Protein backbone atom coordinates (compact mmCIF):
# COMPACT_ATOMS: atom_id res chain seq x y z
CA MET A 1 0.00 0.00 0.00
CA ASP A 2 1.18 3.53 -0.71
CA PHE A 3 0.09 6.91 0.64
CA SER A 4 -2.03 7.96 -2.37
CA GLU A 5 -5.39 7.33 -0.65
CA ILE A 6 -4.18 9.12 2.50
CA ASP A 7 -2.90 12.05 0.41
CA GLN A 8 -6.26 12.35 -1.31
CA LEU A 9 -8.18 12.29 1.99
CA TYR A 10 -5.73 14.83 3.43
CA GLU A 11 -6.32 17.21 0.49
CA GLN A 12 -10.07 16.84 0.96
CA GLY A 13 -9.66 17.69 4.65
CA LEU A 14 -7.57 20.76 3.81
CA ALA A 15 -10.34 21.96 1.50
CA LEU A 16 -12.69 21.73 4.51
CA GLY A 17 -10.27 23.72 6.70
CA ARG A 18 -8.99 20.70 8.63
CA GLN A 19 -5.39 20.42 9.80
CA GLY A 20 -3.78 17.02 9.27
CA VAL A 21 -2.70 14.77 12.12
CA VAL A 22 -0.96 11.39 11.83
CA GLY A 23 -0.94 8.63 14.41
CA CYS A 24 0.71 5.30 13.89
CA LEU A 25 0.36 1.81 15.18
CA VAL A 26 3.98 0.61 14.99
CA VAL A 27 3.72 -3.16 14.52
CA ARG A 28 6.52 -5.60 15.38
CA PRO A 29 7.08 -8.82 13.40
CA ASP A 30 5.53 -10.74 16.33
CA GLY A 31 2.36 -8.61 16.04
CA ARG A 32 2.76 -6.51 19.18
CA VAL A 33 2.05 -2.78 18.84
CA PHE A 34 3.95 0.13 20.41
CA ALA A 35 2.50 2.89 22.58
CA GLN A 36 4.22 5.53 24.67
CA ARG A 37 3.13 7.06 27.95
CA ARG A 38 2.71 10.84 27.79
CA SER A 39 4.58 12.77 30.48
CA LEU A 40 2.61 14.18 33.41
CA THR A 41 3.44 17.72 32.24
CA ARG A 42 1.59 17.36 28.93
CA LYS A 43 -1.48 19.59 28.57
CA LEU A 44 -3.58 16.93 26.86
CA PHE A 45 -3.88 13.41 28.29
CA PRO A 46 -1.08 13.65 30.89
CA GLY A 47 0.17 10.22 31.97
CA CYS A 48 -1.88 8.43 29.31
CA TRP A 49 -0.73 5.89 26.75
CA ASP A 50 -0.70 7.27 23.22
CA LEU A 51 0.37 6.49 19.67
CA VAL A 52 3.43 7.95 18.01
CA GLY A 53 2.37 10.87 15.84
CA GLY A 54 1.41 14.50 15.63
CA HIS A 55 0.32 17.41 13.46
CA LEU A 56 1.44 17.96 9.90
CA GLU A 57 3.57 21.05 9.46
CA LEU A 58 2.93 23.59 6.69
CA GLY A 59 3.75 22.06 3.29
CA GLU A 60 4.29 18.55 4.67
CA THR A 61 2.65 15.45 3.24
CA PRO A 62 1.19 12.82 5.59
CA ARG A 63 4.13 10.51 4.79
CA GLU A 64 6.69 13.22 5.53
CA ALA A 65 4.96 14.02 8.83
CA LEU A 66 4.90 10.36 9.79
CA VAL A 67 8.61 9.95 9.03
CA ARG A 68 9.41 13.11 11.03
CA GLU A 69 7.21 12.19 14.01
CA LEU A 70 8.64 8.65 14.19
CA ALA A 71 12.17 10.06 14.23
CA GLU A 72 11.40 12.84 16.74
CA GLU A 73 9.42 10.70 19.18
CA THR A 74 11.32 7.39 19.01
CA GLY A 75 14.42 7.74 16.83
CA TRP A 76 12.98 5.07 14.53
CA THR A 77 12.93 4.99 10.73
CA LEU A 78 9.76 4.13 8.81
CA GLY A 79 9.89 0.67 7.27
CA ARG A 80 6.68 0.26 5.32
CA LEU A 81 3.05 1.29 5.44
CA ILE A 82 0.88 -1.70 6.31
CA GLY A 83 -2.36 0.20 5.85
CA LEU A 84 -4.72 3.00 6.73
CA ARG A 85 -6.73 1.98 9.81
CA LYS A 86 -8.93 4.97 10.54
CA VAL A 87 -9.70 8.55 9.52
CA VAL A 88 -11.20 10.71 12.26
CA ASP A 89 -12.44 14.29 11.98
CA TRP A 90 -12.33 16.04 15.33
CA GLU A 91 -12.10 19.49 16.89
CA SER A 92 -10.03 21.09 19.62
CA VAL A 93 -10.05 24.55 21.19
CA ASP A 94 -6.82 26.57 21.24
CA GLN A 95 -5.64 28.84 24.06
CA GLU A 96 -7.53 31.80 22.61
CA GLY A 97 -10.78 29.83 22.47
CA TRP A 98 -10.80 29.27 18.71
CA VAL A 99 -12.06 25.93 17.42
CA GLN A 100 -9.40 24.05 15.44
CA LEU A 101 -10.64 21.48 12.90
CA LYS A 102 -8.51 18.33 12.59
CA ARG A 103 -8.41 15.27 10.34
CA GLU A 104 -6.41 12.41 11.85
CA PHE A 105 -5.02 9.47 9.91
CA VAL A 106 -4.24 6.36 11.93
CA VAL A 107 -1.93 4.05 10.03
CA ALA A 108 -0.22 0.75 10.80
CA VAL A 109 3.49 0.70 9.94
CA THR A 110 6.70 -1.21 10.45
CA ILE A 111 10.07 0.28 11.29
CA THR A 112 13.57 -0.68 10.27
CA GLY A 113 15.42 -2.15 13.25
CA GLY A 114 15.85 -0.82 16.75
CA TRP A 115 12.61 -2.38 18.02
CA ASP A 116 13.82 -2.60 21.60
CA THR A 117 15.64 0.72 21.76
CA PRO A 118 13.22 3.61 21.17
CA ARG A 119 14.69 7.01 21.95
CA LEU A 120 11.69 8.67 23.59
CA GLU A 121 11.37 12.41 23.16
CA PRO A 122 12.42 14.11 26.42
CA GLY A 123 9.60 15.91 28.21
CA LYS A 124 6.93 14.35 26.01
CA ALA A 125 7.01 10.63 26.84
CA THR A 126 8.16 8.78 29.95
CA GLU A 127 8.07 5.16 28.80
CA GLY A 128 7.28 2.92 25.87
CA HIS A 129 5.72 -0.53 25.80
CA TRP A 130 4.94 -3.19 23.19
CA PHE A 131 1.33 -4.23 23.73
CA GLY A 132 -0.21 -7.57 22.87
CA PRO A 133 -3.83 -8.74 23.12
CA GLY A 134 -3.32 -9.81 26.74
CA ASP A 135 -2.30 -6.45 28.21
CA LEU A 136 -4.52 -3.95 26.43
CA GLU A 137 -6.30 -2.89 29.63
CA ARG A 138 -3.15 -0.96 30.63
CA LEU A 139 -3.94 1.44 27.80
CA ASN A 140 -6.82 2.87 29.83
CA GLU A 141 -4.56 3.95 32.72
CA ASN A 142 -5.12 7.64 33.58
CA ARG A 143 -7.84 8.02 30.92
CA THR A 144 -10.89 9.91 32.12
CA GLY A 145 -14.55 9.27 31.46
CA GLN A 146 -15.35 7.31 28.34
CA ASP A 147 -12.03 8.06 26.57
CA THR A 148 -10.86 4.68 25.30
CA TYR A 149 -9.54 5.86 21.91
CA VAL A 150 -6.09 4.19 21.97
CA TYR A 151 -7.47 1.07 23.62
CA ASP A 152 -10.18 0.80 20.93
CA LEU A 153 -7.64 1.25 18.11
CA MET A 154 -5.43 -1.50 19.55
CA LYS A 155 -8.38 -3.87 20.06
CA GLN A 156 -9.34 -3.30 16.41
CA GLU A 157 -5.74 -3.94 15.31
CA PHE A 158 -5.70 -7.25 17.19
CA GLY A 159 -9.14 -8.21 15.91
CA THR A 160 -10.58 -8.41 19.40
CA SER A 161 -13.19 -5.65 19.10
């Protein structure tokens, strides 16, 4: 699979005023999937498990953003795109109270080597873990209310939803 479908959906989102966001399910050869725990100082979801990813910068393609975010947050290099798992349109409110429209692409990917040695981004993540079907409940640690987004994505990836 290539990024052409994602690029097309991204362009459609831009036309609707939506900023692009990428999130990735990094999948090991044994099927486990990586998540990182956000630091307690993060404004959104402090202490929660999250995917590697982030916002696209001006002029960046989804693939370029994914490559950059993987490198910044883990030191890893993108191997291959396994597939697009989900597209989510959502909104957030910035510090001035303005609504920001987002379009998030959740993709499953592999990396090239270094599986056991992620270099977590200082100040943003405190630990990383490879999750399998048997330990998905940990993904709900520190989540409030009905927020089970990462847990639900992982359950879907493992075919247990």
